[in-house]
């Protein structure tokens, strides 16, 4: 293996000649003083020189990565020269749109997921990768996208990497490239230490009734206040409540059945309704209108997630809507005698034990009804 070049050597060398590096990479210093990168390798039995661009526009690290990729492709029987010459290879920005178009019809909330993809990639990845052809993107490019946000926005960086990887896997499937530059090499290179995972802001269960009182006393739209109280009483997720329709509610059976398409795990979920939850529904009928929604916005459309979060924030309760699920779970563990499986089913959590889940076919509905009524009584008792 030829001795490796250094960034300092590449920057200062002025003597014309050829200087070798790893993986067939050569730095050519011309009599004029310009410096060009060349990859030299065997493509299907024939020695080939392939230009990789000039320094300083292509750094040593970028040229070294390109040489490695070319050598890897050639050893697998591919042709780096032919790949580079293909006129139909899309840019990263174009590839993002094609991937979104493929997946949007199959995503559970297609338009919303498509918006999230375009927003995150548009903010973090496309400014650097957007105009590059998918065949020309390397791990150094992906690292340049992720490193600025890795320490402070770890979860965002993880999702951006995942979405870049999905676009690159699509490019591989289309024959535009032969590897995924957002794959294992990136995972090994990114720092392992840093910010710890942050949990949703939640209240101690003893403070939840006070929060409900603040919601009721606020100037927010009545439907918003009722939706947030119903969310607390049922320990449901925001999207499940905001999308609730009257056709899902059986007042006589005191049951709300959330359809699978609005559940995180994609399966229908029956929710037993406490006496107070039923009162909230009856109050909501006065503002529901003809939309079919249980908790419509002022305009008659579904409430947005930010609307419920805004009410929490402006009420000064120090939590987010999703945090009330944690408050309920802590109360159930500390103040009720309900078995763990009943508490987990109340949150629509899936049993992690596959063997146990295979044998337990019941949703323990009546036991959950007792638990949810006890939760409502606990909150009502704090008020009274």
Protein backbone atom coordinates (compact mmCIF):
# COMPACT_ATOMS: atom_id res chain seq x y z
CA UNK A 1 0.00 0.00 0.00
CA UNK A 2 1.37 3.40 -0.97
CA UNK A 3 2.14 5.84 1.81
CA UNK A 4 -0.79 8.07 2.60
CA UNK A 5 -0.79 11.71 1.70
CA UNK A 6 -1.54 14.35 4.29
CA UNK A 7 -3.68 17.45 3.97
CA UNK A 8 -0.62 19.59 4.72
CA UNK A 9 1.43 17.87 1.99
CA UNK A 10 -1.34 18.32 -0.58
CA UNK A 11 -1.63 22.00 0.33
CA UNK A 12 2.11 22.78 0.15
CA UNK A 13 3.51 20.50 -2.56
CA UNK A 14 4.56 22.49 -5.63
CA UNK A 15 6.93 20.12 -7.44
CA UNK A 16 5.28 18.69 -10.59
CA UNK A 17 4.71 14.96 -10.47
CA UNK A 18 2.42 12.14 -9.36
CA UNK A 19 1.94 11.35 -5.69
CA UNK A 20 0.18 8.16 -4.66
CA UNK A 21 -2.26 7.48 -1.86
CA UNK A 22 -4.47 4.51 -0.92
CA UNK A 23 -7.04 2.71 -3.08
CA UNK A 24 -5.47 3.88 -6.34
CA UNK A 25 -5.74 7.58 -5.56
CA UNK A 26 -3.12 9.80 -7.22
CA UNK A 27 -2.47 13.52 -6.83
CA UNK A 28 -1.13 15.05 -10.08
CA UNK A 29 0.74 18.32 -9.66
CA UNK A 30 0.96 20.12 -12.99
CA UNK A 31 3.81 22.46 -14.12
CA UNK A 32 1.29 25.30 -13.91
CA UNK A 33 0.83 24.55 -10.20
CA UNK A 34 -2.72 23.17 -10.46
CA UNK A 35 -3.46 19.90 -8.69
CA UNK A 36 -5.77 17.17 -9.95
CA UNK A 37 -7.09 14.01 -8.34
CA UNK A 38 -7.07 10.79 -10.37
CA UNK A 39 -8.23 7.30 -9.52
CA UNK A 40 -6.24 4.52 -11.22
CA UNK A 41 -7.65 1.01 -11.16
CA UNK A 42 -8.64 -2.11 -13.11
CA UNK A 43 -12.13 -2.07 -14.59
CA UNK A 44 -13.04 -5.48 -15.97
CA UNK A 45 -9.41 -6.32 -16.65
CA UNK A 46 -8.43 -2.99 -18.18
CA UNK A 47 -6.37 -0.33 -16.42
CA UNK A 48 -8.31 2.93 -16.29
CA UNK A 49 -7.61 6.45 -15.07
CA UNK A 50 -10.67 8.34 -13.84
CA UNK A 51 -10.58 12.04 -12.94
CA UNK A 52 -12.02 12.95 -9.55
CA UNK A 53 -11.73 16.75 -9.70
CA UNK A 54 -9.19 19.33 -8.70
CA UNK A 55 -7.80 20.46 -5.35
CA UNK A 56 -8.88 22.46 -3.34
CA UNK A 57 -12.44 22.04 -4.67
CA UNK A 58 -12.17 18.33 -3.85
CA UNK A 59 -10.43 17.76 -0.54
CA UNK A 60 -8.09 14.88 0.25
CA UNK A 61 -10.77 13.23 2.37
CA UNK A 62 -13.35 13.49 -0.42
CA UNK A 63 -10.93 12.20 -3.08
CA UNK A 64 -9.86 9.33 -0.84
CA UNK A 65 -13.50 8.34 -0.27
CA UNK A 66 -14.24 8.49 -4.01
CA UNK A 67 -11.18 6.32 -4.75
CA UNK A 68 -12.31 3.80 -2.15
CA UNK A 69 -15.85 3.71 -3.61
CA UNK A 70 -14.51 3.27 -7.16
CA UNK A 71 -12.19 0.45 -6.14
CA UNK A 72 -14.96 -1.27 -4.21
CA UNK A 73 -17.32 -1.01 -7.17
CA UNK A 74 -14.71 -2.23 -9.66
CA UNK A 75 -13.83 -5.25 -7.48
CA UNK A 76 -17.54 -6.14 -7.40
CA UNK A 77 -17.63 -6.18 -11.21
CA UNK A 78 -19.11 -2.73 -11.69
CA UNK A 79 -17.90 0.08 -13.91
CA UNK A 80 -17.30 3.43 -12.15
CA UNK A 81 -16.67 5.12 -15.49
CA UNK A 82 -20.00 4.01 -16.98
CA UNK A 83 -21.84 5.00 -13.81
CA UNK A 84 -20.33 8.46 -13.89
CA UNK A 85 -21.35 8.98 -17.53
CA UNK A 86 -25.02 8.02 -17.09
CA UNK A 87 -27.11 11.05 -18.06
CA UNK A 88 -30.29 9.94 -16.26
CA UNK A 89 -29.01 9.98 -12.69
CA UNK A 90 -31.20 12.38 -10.65
CA UNK A 91 -30.05 14.91 -8.13
CA UNK A 92 -30.68 14.26 -4.46
CA UNK A 93 -33.53 16.80 -4.43
CA UNK A 94 -35.17 15.06 -7.39
CA UNK A 95 -34.68 11.66 -5.77
CA UNK A 96 -36.36 12.84 -2.57
CA UNK A 97 -39.49 13.75 -4.52
CA UNK A 98 -39.54 10.37 -6.27
CA UNK A 99 -39.14 8.48 -3.00
CA UNK A 100 -41.87 10.52 -1.31
CA UNK A 101 -44.19 9.91 -4.28
CA UNK A 102 -43.62 6.15 -3.98
CA UNK A 103 -44.28 5.98 -0.23
CA UNK A 104 -46.95 8.63 0.31
CA UNK A 105 -49.92 6.43 -0.78
CA UNK A 106 -48.83 3.74 1.69
CA UNK A 107 -48.03 5.91 4.69
CA UNK A 108 -50.77 5.85 7.35
CA UNK A 109 -51.04 9.65 7.24
CA UNK A 110 -49.59 10.12 3.78
CA UNK A 111 -49.80 13.88 3.28
CA UNK A 112 -48.56 14.63 6.81
CA UNK A 113 -45.61 12.21 6.54
CA UNK A 114 -44.70 13.62 3.12
CA UNK A 115 -44.71 17.12 4.61
CA UNK A 116 -42.42 16.00 7.45
CA UNK A 117 -39.98 14.34 5.00
CA UNK A 118 -39.79 17.41 2.79
CA UNK A 119 -39.44 19.74 5.76
CA UNK A 120 -36.64 17.88 7.54
CA UNK A 121 -34.63 17.07 4.41
CA UNK A 122 -35.29 20.53 3.00
CA UNK A 123 -33.92 22.16 6.12
CA UNK A 124 -30.91 19.95 6.85
CA UNK A 125 -29.92 17.84 3.82
CA UNK A 126 -30.94 19.54 0.59
CA UNK A 127 -28.88 22.73 1.16
CA UNK A 128 -25.73 20.58 0.87
CA UNK A 129 -26.88 17.54 -1.13
CA UNK A 130 -29.78 18.84 -3.20
CA UNK A 131 -27.89 19.66 -6.43
CA UNK A 132 -25.59 16.64 -6.27
CA UNK A 133 -26.42 13.57 -8.29
CA UNK A 134 -27.21 10.63 -6.05
CA UNK A 135 -24.24 8.75 -7.56
CA UNK A 136 -21.83 11.47 -6.42
CA UNK A 137 -22.84 11.68 -2.76
CA UNK A 138 -20.35 10.13 -0.35
CA UNK A 139 -20.09 9.53 3.37
CA UNK A 140 -18.24 12.82 3.87
CA UNK A 141 -21.27 14.64 2.43
CA UNK A 142 -23.65 12.85 4.79
CA UNK A 143 -21.36 13.50 7.75
CA UNK A 144 -21.32 17.21 6.85
CA UNK A 145 -25.13 17.20 7.10
CA UNK A 146 -25.36 15.32 10.39
CA UNK A 147 -22.45 16.56 12.51
CA UNK A 148 -23.74 20.15 13.00
CA UNK A 149 -26.96 18.82 14.58
CA UNK A 150 -25.72 15.56 16.12
CA UNK A 151 -24.91 16.93 19.57
CA UNK A 152 -27.88 19.24 20.12
CA UNK A 153 -30.60 17.60 18.01
CA UNK A 154 -29.79 13.91 18.23
CA UNK A 155 -33.27 12.60 17.42
CA UNK A 156 -33.63 14.99 14.47
CA UNK A 157 -30.21 13.92 13.16
CA UNK A 158 -31.16 10.26 13.49
CA UNK A 159 -34.33 10.78 11.46
CA UNK A 160 -32.52 12.85 8.82
CA UNK A 161 -29.91 10.11 8.47
CA UNK A 162 -32.66 7.50 8.19
CA UNK A 163 -34.39 9.46 5.42
CA UNK A 164 -31.16 10.12 3.52
CA UNK A 165 -30.50 6.38 3.78
CA UNK A 166 -33.94 5.59 2.34
CA UNK A 167 -33.22 7.83 -0.65
CA UNK A 168 -29.81 6.21 -1.15
CA UNK A 169 -31.31 2.69 -0.93
CA UNK A 170 -33.78 3.71 -3.62
CA UNK A 171 -30.84 4.91 -5.74
CA UNK A 172 -29.15 1.52 -5.28
CA UNK A 173 -32.34 -0.27 -6.30
CA UNK A 174 -32.52 1.91 -9.42
CA UNK A 175 -28.93 1.08 -10.35
CA UNK A 176 -27.73 4.65 -9.84
CA UNK A 177 -25.13 3.64 -7.25
CA UNK A 178 -23.90 0.52 -5.45
CA UNK A 179 -23.84 1.48 -1.79
CA UNK A 180 -25.59 3.51 0.89
CA UNK A 181 -23.34 6.35 2.16
CA UNK A 182 -25.67 6.86 5.15
CA UNK A 183 -25.22 3.25 6.28
CA UNK A 184 -22.89 1.44 8.68
CA UNK A 185 -19.84 3.61 8.03
CA UNK A 186 -21.72 6.67 9.23
CA UNK A 187 -22.99 4.83 12.32
CA UNK A 188 -19.43 3.94 13.28
CA UNK A 189 -18.10 7.44 12.64
CA UNK A 190 -20.68 9.50 14.53
CA UNK A 191 -19.92 10.26 18.21
CA UNK A 192 -21.49 7.83 20.67
CA UNK A 193 -21.60 10.20 23.64
CA UNK A 194 -23.69 13.33 23.83
CA UNK A 195 -27.21 14.29 24.76
CA UNK A 196 -29.34 11.75 26.51
CA UNK A 197 -32.80 10.91 25.30
CA UNK A 198 -35.34 13.41 26.56
CA UNK A 199 -38.75 12.25 27.70
CA UNK A 200 -41.97 14.16 27.13
CA UNK A 201 -42.67 16.75 29.82
CA UNK A 202 -45.16 15.29 32.29
CA UNK A 203 -46.80 16.29 35.58
CA UNK A 204 -46.83 14.36 38.85
CA UNK A 205 -50.26 12.76 38.97
CA UNK A 206 -51.16 14.86 42.00
CA UNK A 207 -50.98 18.02 39.86
CA UNK A 208 -53.12 16.82 36.94
CA UNK A 209 -56.49 17.90 38.40
CA UNK A 210 -55.11 21.41 38.90
CA UNK A 211 -54.01 21.47 35.27
CA UNK A 212 -57.52 20.52 34.13
CA UNK A 213 -58.93 23.36 36.24
CA UNK A 214 -56.59 25.78 34.47
CA UNK A 215 -57.67 24.47 31.07
CA UNK A 216 -61.33 24.94 31.97
CA UNK A 217 -60.71 28.47 33.21
CA UNK A 218 -58.74 29.57 30.15
CA UNK A 219 -60.06 31.67 27.28
CA UNK A 220 -59.35 28.93 24.75
CA UNK A 221 -62.00 27.63 22.35
CA UNK A 222 -64.40 25.39 24.26
CA UNK A 223 -63.78 22.46 21.94
CA UNK A 224 -60.05 22.67 22.62
CA UNK A 225 -60.56 22.64 26.39
CA UNK A 226 -62.92 19.67 26.20
CA UNK A 227 -60.57 17.76 23.89
CA UNK A 228 -57.64 18.17 26.28
CA UNK A 229 -59.68 17.07 29.30
CA UNK A 230 -60.96 14.06 27.36
CA UNK A 231 -57.34 13.21 26.43
CA UNK A 232 -56.41 13.23 30.13
CA UNK A 233 -59.41 11.13 31.19
CA UNK A 234 -58.83 8.46 28.53
CA UNK A 235 -55.00 8.49 28.61
CA UNK A 236 -55.17 8.61 24.82
CA UNK A 237 -52.73 10.06 22.31
CA UNK A 238 -53.33 13.47 20.81
CA UNK A 239 -54.01 12.23 17.28
CA UNK A 240 -56.53 9.69 18.53
CA UNK A 241 -58.54 12.39 20.31
CA UNK A 242 -58.25 15.13 17.70
CA UNK A 243 -59.49 12.79 14.99
CA UNK A 244 -62.32 11.28 17.06
CA UNK A 245 -65.65 11.05 15.25
CA UNK A 246 -69.12 10.54 16.68
CA UNK A 247 -69.47 7.33 14.67
CA UNK A 248 -66.74 5.82 16.89
CA UNK A 249 -68.63 6.56 20.12
CA UNK A 250 -71.28 4.31 21.64
CA UNK A 251 -72.80 6.34 24.48
CA UNK A 252 -75.10 3.53 25.58
CA UNK A 253 -72.20 1.06 25.84
CA UNK A 254 -69.98 3.83 27.23
CA UNK A 255 -67.27 2.89 24.75
CA UNK A 256 -65.10 4.73 22.24
CA UNK A 257 -63.54 2.56 19.54
CA UNK A 258 -60.53 4.14 17.84
CA UNK A 259 -59.99 2.70 14.33
CA UNK A 260 -56.68 1.08 13.48
CA UNK A 261 -55.62 3.76 11.00
CA UNK A 262 -55.42 6.29 13.82
CA UNK A 263 -53.63 4.01 16.28
CA UNK A 264 -49.84 3.86 16.56
CA UNK A 265 -49.77 0.07 16.13
CA UNK A 266 -52.41 0.05 13.39
CA UNK A 267 -54.98 -1.98 15.36
CA UNK A 268 -58.43 -0.85 16.61
CA UNK A 269 -58.53 0.04 20.30
CA UNK A 270 -61.59 0.06 22.58
CA UNK A 271 -61.58 2.75 25.25
CA UNK A 272 -63.95 2.44 28.26
CA UNK A 273 -65.51 5.80 29.08
CA UNK A 274 -65.78 6.99 32.67
CA UNK A 275 -68.75 9.01 33.87
CA UNK A 276 -66.80 12.26 33.55
CA UNK A 277 -65.59 11.33 30.05
CA UNK A 278 -69.24 10.85 29.03
CA UNK A 279 -70.09 14.27 30.49
CA UNK A 280 -67.30 15.81 28.39
CA UNK A 281 -68.74 14.18 25.27
CA UNK A 282 -72.22 15.52 26.05
CA UNK A 283 -70.77 19.03 26.52
CA UNK A 284 -68.91 18.70 23.24
CA UNK A 285 -72.15 18.02 21.38
CA UNK A 286 -73.05 21.66 21.94
CA UNK A 287 -70.08 22.84 19.86
CA UNK A 288 -69.54 19.87 17.55
CA UNK A 289 -71.55 21.18 14.61
CA UNK A 290 -72.10 18.96 11.58
CA UNK A 291 -68.52 17.96 10.82
CA UNK A 292 -68.83 14.55 12.42
CA UNK A 293 -65.83 15.34 14.60
CA UNK A 294 -66.22 15.10 18.36
CA UNK A 295 -63.82 17.98 19.04
CA UNK A 296 -63.70 20.24 15.98
CA UNK A 297 -61.79 23.49 15.80
CA UNK A 298 -63.45 26.89 15.48
CA UNK A 299 -63.44 26.40 11.70
CA UNK A 300 -65.06 22.97 11.95
CA UNK A 301 -61.91 21.11 10.96
CA UNK A 302 -59.83 18.77 13.10
CA UNK A 303 -57.80 20.44 15.84
CA UNK A 304 -54.06 20.62 15.20
CA UNK A 305 -51.56 19.07 17.58
CA UNK A 306 -50.06 22.51 18.16
CA UNK A 307 -53.44 23.79 19.41
CA UNK A 308 -53.48 21.38 22.36
CA UNK A 309 -49.78 22.04 23.06
CA UNK A 310 -50.44 25.77 23.00
CA UNK A 311 -53.19 25.44 25.61
CA UNK A 312 -50.80 23.53 27.89
CA UNK A 313 -48.10 26.12 27.38
CA UNK A 314 -50.31 29.18 27.87
CA UNK A 315 -51.90 27.65 30.97
CA UNK A 316 -48.44 27.37 32.51
CA UNK A 317 -48.88 23.74 33.57
CA UNK A 318 -45.36 22.67 32.58
CA UNK A 319 -46.17 19.66 30.42
CA UNK A 320 -47.18 18.57 26.93
CA UNK A 321 -50.37 16.66 26.01
CA UNK A 322 -48.54 13.35 25.59
CA UNK A 323 -47.10 13.72 29.09
CA UNK A 324 -50.51 13.04 30.65
CA UNK A 325 -50.15 9.41 29.59
CA UNK A 326 -47.10 9.23 31.83
CA UNK A 327 -49.01 10.91 34.66
CA UNK A 328 -51.75 8.30 34.34
CA UNK A 329 -49.28 5.42 34.22
CA UNK A 330 -47.50 6.61 37.35
CA UNK A 331 -50.81 7.01 39.17
CA UNK A 332 -51.89 3.51 38.11
CA UNK A 333 -48.64 2.05 39.44
CA UNK A 334 -48.61 4.00 42.71
CA UNK A 335 -52.29 4.39 43.61
CA UNK A 336 -54.22 1.52 42.02
CA UNK A 337 -54.16 -2.22 42.49
CA UNK A 338 -54.55 -2.89 38.76
CA UNK A 339 -52.16 -5.50 37.34
CA UNK A 340 -49.42 -4.27 35.02
CA UNK A 341 -51.01 -5.77 31.90
CA UNK A 342 -54.25 -3.87 32.57
CA UNK A 343 -52.36 -0.58 32.90
CA UNK A 344 -50.39 -1.23 29.71
CA UNK A 345 -53.50 -2.14 27.73
CA UNK A 346 -55.14 1.08 28.94
CA UNK A 347 -52.34 2.88 27.09
CA UNK A 348 -52.72 0.60 24.04
CA UNK A 349 -49.18 -0.65 24.53
CA UNK A 350 -48.22 -3.89 22.79
CA UNK A 351 -47.04 -6.79 24.93
CA UNK A 352 -43.28 -7.09 24.35
CA UNK A 353 -43.38 -10.78 25.31
CA UNK A 354 -44.39 -12.44 22.03
CA UNK A 355 -45.18 -15.78 23.61
CA UNK A 356 -47.41 -14.21 26.25
CA UNK A 357 -49.08 -11.98 23.65
CA UNK A 358 -49.81 -15.00 21.45
CA UNK A 359 -51.81 -16.66 24.22
CA UNK A 360 -53.54 -13.63 25.75
CA UNK A 361 -56.28 -12.73 23.28
CA UNK A 362 -58.41 -10.60 25.64
CA UNK A 363 -58.13 -6.83 25.97
CA UNK A 364 -59.22 -6.98 29.65
CA UNK A 365 -61.87 -4.42 28.83
CA UNK A 366 -63.97 -4.58 32.01
CA UNK A 367 -60.91 -4.40 34.23
CA UNK A 368 -59.79 -1.39 32.25
CA UNK A 369 -63.22 0.17 32.73
CA UNK A 370 -62.77 -0.03 36.50
CA UNK A 371 -59.30 1.48 36.21
CA UNK A 372 -60.39 4.44 34.05
CA UNK A 373 -63.32 5.20 36.36
CA UNK A 374 -60.94 5.15 39.33
CA UNK A 375 -58.65 7.60 37.46
CA UNK A 376 -61.59 9.94 36.82
CA UNK A 377 -62.71 9.67 40.46
CA UNK A 378 -59.16 10.49 41.59
CA UNK A 379 -59.09 13.64 39.44
CA UNK A 380 -62.61 14.64 40.49
CA UNK A 381 -61.81 14.06 44.15
CA UNK A 382 -58.87 16.46 43.92
CA UNK A 383 -61.21 19.12 42.59
CA UNK A 384 -63.77 18.57 45.27
